Amino acid sequence: MRTLLNAIEFLIILADGGAALRILYCLLRLMGSPDEKESYVKKILHVLIYAAFANSSLALMILTESYFL
């Protein structure tokens, strides 16, 4: 069980890193072409929602595990 939890934590770290890189990429593209501001702001918002869901799912799993053990 501990190995599975470590693997999930590693995947969450990768997801957070990927989200941060995607936000950075969108910000750089936004600086390059301010005409497409609405599109990049929408993409950044979607990445933030994705990161929130990924982190909350891990927290929910840990909470459930600690309740039943």
N, C-alpha and C. Protein backbone atom coordinates (compact mmCIF):
# COMPACT_ATOMS: atom_id res chain seq x y z
N MET A 1 0.83 -1.19 0.00
CA MET A 1 0.00 0.00 0.00
C MET A 1 0.87 1.25 0.00
N ARG A 2 1.99 1.18 0.70
CA ARG A 2 2.86 2.35 0.77
C ARG A 2 3.48 2.66 -0.60
N THR A 3 3.80 1.63 -1.36
CA THR A 3 4.38 1.83 -2.69
C THR A 3 3.38 2.52 -3.60
N LEU A 4 2.13 2.12 -3.52
CA LEU A 4 1.09 2.74 -4.33
C LEU A 4 0.91 4.19 -3.95
N LEU A 5 0.94 4.50 -2.66
CA LEU A 5 0.80 5.88 -2.21
C LEU A 5 1.98 6.72 -2.68
N ASN A 6 3.18 6.16 -2.65
CA ASN A 6 4.35 6.88 -3.15
C ASN A 6 4.24 7.14 -4.65
N ALA A 7 3.73 6.18 -5.39
CA ALA A 7 3.55 6.36 -6.83
C ALA A 7 2.52 7.46 -7.12
N ILE A 8 1.45 7.48 -6.36
CA ILE A 8 0.42 8.51 -6.55
C ILE A 8 0.97 9.88 -6.20
N GLU A 9 1.74 9.97 -5.12
CA GLU A 9 2.34 11.26 -4.75
C GLU A 9 3.30 11.74 -5.84
N PHE A 10 4.04 10.82 -6.43
CA PHE A 10 4.94 11.18 -7.53
C PHE A 10 4.16 11.70 -8.73
N LEU A 11 3.04 11.07 -9.04
CA LEU A 11 2.22 11.53 -10.16
C LEU A 11 1.61 12.90 -9.89
N ILE A 12 1.25 13.17 -8.64
CA ILE A 12 0.72 14.49 -8.29
C ILE A 12 1.81 15.55 -8.44
N ILE A 13 3.04 15.21 -8.05
CA ILE A 13 4.14 16.16 -8.23
C ILE A 13 4.37 16.43 -9.71
N LEU A 14 4.31 15.40 -10.53
CA LEU A 14 4.44 15.59 -11.97
C LEU A 14 3.30 16.44 -12.53
N ALA A 15 2.09 16.21 -12.04
CA ALA A 15 0.94 16.99 -12.51
C ALA A 15 1.09 18.47 -12.13
N ASP A 16 1.56 18.73 -10.90
CA ASP A 16 1.76 20.12 -10.47
C ASP A 16 2.87 20.78 -11.28
N GLY A 17 3.94 20.04 -11.53
CA GLY A 17 5.02 20.59 -12.35
C GLY A 17 4.57 20.88 -13.77
N GLY A 18 3.80 19.97 -14.34
CA GLY A 18 3.27 20.19 -15.68
C GLY A 18 2.32 21.37 -15.73
N ALA A 19 1.50 21.52 -14.70
CA ALA A 19 0.58 22.65 -14.65
C ALA A 19 1.35 23.97 -14.55
N ALA A 20 2.39 23.98 -13.75
CA ALA A 20 3.19 25.20 -13.62
C ALA A 20 3.88 25.55 -14.94
N LEU A 21 4.40 24.55 -15.62
CA LEU A 21 5.04 24.81 -16.92
C LEU A 21 4.02 25.28 -17.95
N ARG A 22 2.82 24.72 -17.93
CA ARG A 22 1.78 25.13 -18.87
C ARG A 22 1.36 26.57 -18.61
N ILE A 23 1.25 26.96 -17.35
CA ILE A 23 0.89 28.34 -17.02
C ILE A 23 2.00 29.28 -17.47
N LEU A 24 3.24 28.90 -17.23
CA LEU A 24 4.36 29.72 -17.68
C LEU A 24 4.37 29.87 -19.19
N TYR A 25 4.10 28.77 -19.90
CA TYR A 25 4.05 28.81 -21.36
C TYR A 25 2.94 29.75 -21.83
N CYS A 26 1.76 29.64 -21.21
CA CYS A 26 0.65 30.51 -21.60
C CYS A 26 0.95 31.97 -21.32
N LEU A 27 1.62 32.25 -20.19
CA LEU A 27 1.99 33.63 -19.89
C LEU A 27 2.99 34.18 -20.89
N LEU A 28 3.95 33.36 -21.30
CA LEU A 28 4.92 33.81 -22.31
C LEU A 28 4.24 34.04 -23.65
N ARG A 29 3.33 33.17 -24.04
CA ARG A 29 2.59 33.35 -25.29
C ARG A 29 1.69 34.58 -25.21
N LEU A 30 1.16 34.85 -24.04
CA LEU A 30 0.30 36.01 -23.84
C LEU A 30 1.10 37.30 -24.00
N MET A 31 2.35 37.30 -23.51
CA MET A 31 3.20 38.48 -23.68
C MET A 31 3.55 38.69 -25.15
N GLY A 32 3.63 37.60 -25.91
CA GLY A 32 3.98 37.70 -27.32
C GLY A 32 2.84 38.17 -28.20
N SER A 33 1.62 37.78 -27.85
CA SER A 33 0.47 38.19 -28.66
C SER A 33 -0.69 38.58 -27.75
N PRO A 34 -0.74 39.85 -27.36
CA PRO A 34 -1.79 40.29 -26.44
C PRO A 34 -3.19 40.26 -27.05
N ASP A 35 -3.29 40.09 -28.38
CA ASP A 35 -4.60 40.03 -29.01
C ASP A 35 -5.38 38.78 -28.62
N GLU A 36 -4.68 37.72 -28.24
CA GLU A 36 -5.32 36.47 -27.87
C GLU A 36 -5.43 36.30 -26.35
N LYS A 37 -5.60 37.40 -25.67
CA LYS A 37 -5.61 37.39 -24.20
C LYS A 37 -6.71 36.49 -23.64
N GLU A 38 -7.92 36.58 -24.17
CA GLU A 38 -9.04 35.80 -23.64
C GLU A 38 -8.76 34.31 -23.73
N SER A 39 -8.17 33.88 -24.82
CA SER A 39 -7.88 32.45 -25.02
C SER A 39 -6.88 31.94 -24.00
N TYR A 40 -5.82 32.70 -23.78
CA TYR A 40 -4.79 32.24 -22.84
C TYR A 40 -5.25 32.33 -21.39
N VAL A 41 -6.05 33.31 -21.06
CA VAL A 41 -6.59 33.40 -19.70
C VAL A 41 -7.50 32.21 -19.44
N LYS A 42 -8.29 31.81 -20.44
CA LYS A 42 -9.17 30.65 -20.30
C LYS A 42 -8.35 29.37 -20.13
N LYS A 43 -7.26 29.24 -20.88
CA LYS A 43 -6.40 28.07 -20.75
C LYS A 43 -5.75 28.00 -19.38
N ILE A 44 -5.31 29.14 -18.86
CA ILE A 44 -4.70 29.19 -17.52
C ILE A 44 -5.73 28.81 -16.46
N LEU A 45 -6.96 29.28 -16.60
CA LEU A 45 -8.01 28.93 -15.66
C LEU A 45 -8.28 27.44 -15.67
N HIS A 46 -8.30 26.83 -16.84
CA HIS A 46 -8.53 25.38 -16.92
C HIS A 46 -7.39 24.60 -16.28
N VAL A 47 -6.17 25.06 -16.44
CA VAL A 47 -5.03 24.39 -15.81
C VAL A 47 -5.12 24.50 -14.29
N LEU A 48 -5.53 25.65 -13.78
CA LEU A 48 -5.67 25.82 -12.34
C LEU A 48 -6.77 24.91 -11.78
N ILE A 49 -7.86 24.77 -12.51
CA ILE A 49 -8.94 23.87 -12.07
C ILE A 49 -8.44 22.43 -12.06
N TYR A 50 -7.70 22.04 -13.10
CA TYR A 50 -7.14 20.69 -13.17
C TYR A 50 -6.22 20.43 -11.98
N ALA A 51 -5.34 21.38 -11.66
CA ALA A 51 -4.41 21.19 -10.55
C ALA A 51 -5.16 21.09 -9.21
N ALA A 52 -6.21 21.86 -9.06
CA ALA A 52 -7.00 21.80 -7.82
C ALA A 52 -7.67 20.43 -7.68
N PHE A 53 -8.22 19.90 -8.76
CA PHE A 53 -8.84 18.58 -8.71
C PHE A 53 -7.82 17.49 -8.42
N ALA A 54 -6.66 17.59 -9.02
CA ALA A 54 -5.63 16.57 -8.81
C ALA A 54 -5.18 16.55 -7.36
N ASN A 55 -4.96 17.71 -6.79
CA ASN A 55 -4.50 17.78 -5.40
C ASN A 55 -5.60 17.42 -4.41
N SER A 56 -6.83 17.80 -4.70
CA SER A 56 -7.91 17.47 -3.77
C SER A 56 -8.23 15.97 -3.81
N SER A 57 -8.02 15.33 -4.94
CA SER A 57 -8.26 13.88 -4.98
C SER A 57 -7.24 13.14 -4.12
N LEU A 58 -6.00 13.58 -4.11
CA LEU A 58 -4.99 12.98 -3.25
C LEU A 58 -5.33 13.21 -1.78
N ALA A 59 -5.75 14.42 -1.45
CA ALA A 59 -6.11 14.73 -0.07
C ALA A 59 -7.31 13.89 0.38
N LEU A 60 -8.27 13.70 -0.49
CA LEU A 60 -9.43 12.89 -0.15
C LEU A 60 -9.04 11.43 0.06
N MET A 61 -8.13 10.93 -0.74
CA MET A 61 -7.68 9.55 -0.58
C MET A 61 -6.95 9.37 0.77
N ILE A 62 -6.08 10.30 1.11
CA ILE A 62 -5.35 10.22 2.37
C ILE A 62 -6.30 10.34 3.56
N LEU A 63 -7.29 11.23 3.45
CA LEU A 63 -8.27 11.39 4.52
C LEU A 63 -9.08 10.11 4.71
N THR A 64 -9.51 9.52 3.63
CA THR A 64 -10.28 8.28 3.72
C THR A 64 -9.44 7.15 4.31
N GLU A 65 -8.19 7.07 3.89
CA GLU A 65 -7.31 6.02 4.40
C GLU A 65 -7.08 6.20 5.90
N SER A 66 -6.86 7.42 6.34
CA SER A 66 -6.60 7.64 7.77
C SER A 66 -7.86 7.41 8.61
N TYR A 67 -9.02 7.59 8.05
CA TYR A 67 -10.26 7.38 8.79
C TYR A 67 -10.50 5.90 9.04
N PHE A 68 -10.24 5.07 8.05
CA PHE A 68 -10.54 3.65 8.17
C PHE A 68 -9.40 2.82 8.76
N LEU A 69 -8.21 3.37 8.90
CA LEU A 69 -7.11 2.62 9.48
C LEU A 69 -6.85 2.99 10.90
